[in-house]
Amino acid sequence: MAITNERLAGYEFLHPMRGDGYYPARLVAKGGDILHALCERIEAQPPSGLDELYELTQAATEEFNLLDEEFHAAGSEIETVAREAIAADFDHLAQAYGYADADVEELIANREW
């Protein structure tokens, strides 16, 4: 499904991680897919408020927790640059869908990275 939100339709998720040899491209792409799928879920059934948004974003964060294991297996990890890129994209996504009051720490509250 294509993302219809104008601010996200052409947005390059995890841009700071792309092209950096420390992060395997296939795993960065998987992270981008997680965020793209989150957009699809939000567009298919928009959350009625922040609590529902947080449920969706924390489910996606759990996928990143699992992805971190793959990064470790590939000799990499979700460290400072990656953490900031992921958090910034979660925040950008929330803002783009009109959740101006979303707390980025709550969006990714269950992160293990």
C-alpha atoms as a PDB file:
ATOM      1  CA  MET A   1       0.000   0.000   0.000  1.00  0.00           C
ATOM      2  CA  ALA A   2       1.278   3.447  -0.869  1.00  0.00           C
ATOM      3  CA  ILE A   3       1.494   6.071   1.849  1.00  0.00           C
ATOM      4  CA  THR A   4      -0.918   8.906   1.076  1.00  0.00           C
ATOM      5  CA  ASN A   5       0.249  11.451   3.661  1.00  0.00           C
ATOM      6  CA  GLU A   6       2.021  14.223   1.719  1.00  0.00           C
ATOM      7  CA  ARG A   7       4.757  14.682   4.341  1.00  0.00           C
ATOM      8  CA  LEU A   8       5.575  10.978   4.354  1.00  0.00           C
ATOM      9  CA  ALA A   9       4.862   9.745   0.808  1.00  0.00           C
ATOM     10  CA  GLY A  10       8.375  10.526  -0.433  1.00  0.00           C
ATOM     11  CA  TYR A  11      10.097  10.595   2.949  1.00  0.00           C
ATOM     12  CA  GLU A  12      13.296   8.563   3.278  1.00  0.00           C
ATOM     13  CA  PHE A  13      13.118   6.783   6.611  1.00  0.00           C
ATOM     14  CA  LEU A  14      16.380   6.292   8.529  1.00  0.00           C
ATOM     15  CA  HIS A  15      18.267   8.629   6.213  1.00  0.00           C
ATOM     16  CA  PRO A  16      21.281   9.115   8.565  1.00  0.00           C
ATOM     17  CA  MET A  17      21.880   5.351   8.575  1.00  0.00           C
ATOM     18  CA  ARG A  18      21.743   4.874   4.809  1.00  0.00           C
ATOM     19  CA  GLY A  19      25.069   4.649   3.067  1.00  0.00           C
ATOM     20  CA  ASP A  20      26.946   4.255   6.359  1.00  0.00           C
ATOM     21  CA  GLY A  21      28.932   1.033   6.115  1.00  0.00           C
ATOM     22  CA  TYR A  22      28.444   0.356   9.824  1.00  0.00           C
ATOM     23  CA  TYR A  23      24.769  -0.362   9.237  1.00  0.00           C
ATOM     24  CA  PRO A  24      24.006  -3.253   6.869  1.00  0.00           C
ATOM     25  CA  ALA A  25      21.843  -1.869   4.068  1.00  0.00           C
ATOM     26  CA  ARG A  26      19.426  -4.799   4.189  1.00  0.00           C
ATOM     27  CA  LEU A  27      18.771  -4.180   7.897  1.00  0.00           C
ATOM     28  CA  VAL A  28      18.331  -0.442   7.412  1.00  0.00           C
ATOM     29  CA  ALA A  29      15.830  -1.299   4.674  1.00  0.00           C
ATOM     30  CA  LYS A  30      13.998  -3.596   7.115  1.00  0.00           C
ATOM     31  CA  GLY A  31      13.822  -0.708   9.593  1.00  0.00           C
ATOM     32  CA  GLY A  32      12.396   1.520   6.891  1.00  0.00           C
ATOM     33  CA  ASP A  33       9.838  -1.187   6.140  1.00  0.00           C
ATOM     34  CA  ILE A  34       8.780  -1.230   9.808  1.00  0.00           C
ATOM     35  CA  LEU A  35       8.128   2.516   9.696  1.00  0.00           C
ATOM     36  CA  HIS A  36       6.384   2.276   6.317  1.00  0.00           C
ATOM     37  CA  ALA A  37       4.104  -0.459   7.677  1.00  0.00           C
ATOM     38  CA  LEU A  38       3.345   1.734  10.694  1.00  0.00           C
ATOM     39  CA  CYS A  39       2.224   4.489   8.320  1.00  0.00           C
ATOM     40  CA  GLU A  40       0.007   1.992   6.505  1.00  0.00           C
ATOM     41  CA  ARG A  41      -1.589   0.902   9.791  1.00  0.00           C
ATOM     42  CA  ILE A  42      -2.221   4.513  10.810  1.00  0.00           C
ATOM     43  CA  GLU A  43      -3.767   5.336   7.439  1.00  0.00           C
ATOM     44  CA  ALA A  44      -5.890   2.179   7.336  1.00  0.00           C
ATOM     45  CA  GLN A  45      -7.331   2.759  10.798  1.00  0.00           C
ATOM     46  CA  PRO A  46      -6.369   6.163  12.240  1.00  0.00           C
ATOM     47  CA  PRO A  47      -5.866   6.134  16.003  1.00  0.00           C
ATOM     48  CA  SER A  48      -8.580   7.984  17.898  1.00  0.00           C
ATOM     49  CA  GLY A  49      -6.038   9.568  20.218  1.00  0.00           C
ATOM     50  CA  LEU A  50      -2.565   9.407  21.655  1.00  0.00           C
ATOM     51  CA  ASP A  51      -3.140   6.186  23.591  1.00  0.00           C
ATOM     52  CA  GLU A  52      -4.021   4.310  20.411  1.00  0.00           C
ATOM     53  CA  LEU A  53      -1.103   5.935  18.575  1.00  0.00           C
ATOM     54  CA  TYR A  54       1.270   4.839  21.350  1.00  0.00           C
ATOM     55  CA  GLU A  55      -0.031   1.261  21.065  1.00  0.00           C
ATOM     56  CA  LEU A  56       0.837   1.271  17.354  1.00  0.00           C
ATOM     57  CA  THR A  57       4.224   2.912  17.744  1.00  0.00           C
ATOM     58  CA  GLN A  58       5.210   0.671  20.627  1.00  0.00           C
ATOM     59  CA  ALA A  59       4.307  -2.404  18.546  1.00  0.00           C
ATOM     60  CA  ALA A  60       6.635  -1.049  15.845  1.00  0.00           C
ATOM     61  CA  THR A  61       9.271  -0.359  18.498  1.00  0.00           C
ATOM     62  CA  GLU A  62       9.089  -4.026  19.499  1.00  0.00           C
ATOM     63  CA  GLU A  63       9.894  -4.883  15.874  1.00  0.00           C
ATOM     64  CA  PHE A  64      12.969  -2.644  16.148  1.00  0.00           C
ATOM     65  CA  ASN A  65      13.919  -4.476  19.359  1.00  0.00           C
ATOM     66  CA  LEU A  66      13.948  -7.709  17.363  1.00  0.00           C
ATOM     67  CA  LEU A  67      15.765  -6.040  14.488  1.00  0.00           C
ATOM     68  CA  ASP A  68      18.502  -4.948  16.898  1.00  0.00           C
ATOM     69  CA  GLU A  69      19.313  -8.632  17.385  1.00  0.00           C
ATOM     70  CA  GLU A  70      19.895  -8.901  13.638  1.00  0.00           C
ATOM     71  CA  PHE A  71      22.130  -5.834  13.742  1.00  0.00           C
ATOM     72  CA  HIS A  72      24.202  -7.472  16.489  1.00  0.00           C
ATOM     73  CA  ALA A  73      24.465 -10.699  14.509  1.00  0.00           C
ATOM     74  CA  ALA A  74      25.778  -8.653  11.573  1.00  0.00           C
ATOM     75  CA  GLY A  75      28.442  -6.935  13.706  1.00  0.00           C
ATOM     76  CA  SER A  76      26.492  -3.710  14.116  1.00  0.00           C
ATOM     77  CA  GLU A  77      23.970  -2.334  16.594  1.00  0.00           C
ATOM     78  CA  ILE A  78      21.331   0.296  17.138  1.00  0.00           C
ATOM     79  CA  GLU A  79      23.586   2.820  18.865  1.00  0.00           C
ATOM     80  CA  THR A  80      23.505   6.606  19.243  1.00  0.00           C
ATOM     81  CA  VAL A  81      23.190   7.636  15.584  1.00  0.00           C
ATOM     82  CA  ALA A  82      20.669   4.896  14.882  1.00  0.00           C
ATOM     83  CA  ARG A  83      18.667   5.590  18.057  1.00  0.00           C
ATOM     84  CA  GLU A  84      18.415   9.255  17.167  1.00  0.00           C
ATOM     85  CA  ALA A  85      17.441   8.500  13.563  1.00  0.00           C
ATOM     86  CA  ILE A  86      14.745   6.035  14.611  1.00  0.00           C
ATOM     87  CA  ALA A  87      13.353   8.331  17.309  1.00  0.00           C
ATOM     88  CA  ALA A  88      13.350  11.310  14.925  1.00  0.00           C
ATOM     89  CA  ASP A  89      11.419   9.315  12.342  1.00  0.00           C
ATOM     90  CA  PHE A  90       8.841   8.180  14.899  1.00  0.00           C
ATOM     91  CA  ASP A  91       8.424  11.825  15.932  1.00  0.00           C
ATOM     92  CA  HIS A  92       8.229  13.031  12.320  1.00  0.00           C
ATOM     93  CA  LEU A  93       5.631  10.389  11.584  1.00  0.00           C
ATOM     94  CA  ALA A  94       3.484  11.368  14.592  1.00  0.00           C
ATOM     95  CA  GLN A  95       3.680  15.048  13.658  1.00  0.00           C
ATOM     96  CA  ALA A  96       2.819  14.313  10.015  1.00  0.00           C
ATOM     97  CA  TYR A  97      -0.346  12.513  11.070  1.00  0.00           C
ATOM     98  CA  GLY A  98      -1.426  15.416  13.272  1.00  0.00           C
ATOM     99  CA  TYR A  99      -0.375  14.187  16.706  1.00  0.00           C
ATOM    100  CA  ALA A 100       1.437  17.373  17.693  1.00  0.00           C
ATOM    101  CA  ASP A 101       1.297  16.493  21.401  1.00  0.00           C
ATOM    102  CA  ALA A 102       2.920  13.091  20.984  1.00  0.00           C
ATOM    103  CA  ASP A 103       5.861  12.526  23.318  1.00  0.00           C
ATOM    104  CA  VAL A 104       8.728  10.907  21.420  1.00  0.00           C
ATOM    105  CA  GLU A 105       9.832   9.023  24.538  1.00  0.00           C
ATOM    106  CA  GLU A 106       6.346   7.563  24.884  1.00  0.00           C
ATOM    107  CA  LEU A 107       6.238   6.685  21.182  1.00  0.00           C
ATOM    108  CA  ILE A 108       9.239   4.378  21.720  1.00  0.00           C
ATOM    109  CA  ALA A 109       8.836   3.732  25.462  1.00  0.00           C
ATOM    110  CA  ASN A 110       9.466  -0.009  25.200  1.00  0.00           C
ATOM    111  CA  ARG A 111      12.731   0.264  23.268  1.00  0.00           C
ATOM    112  CA  GLU A 112      15.611  -1.930  24.292  1.00  0.00           C
ATOM    113  CA  TRP A 113      18.250  -0.059  22.302  1.00  0.00           C
END
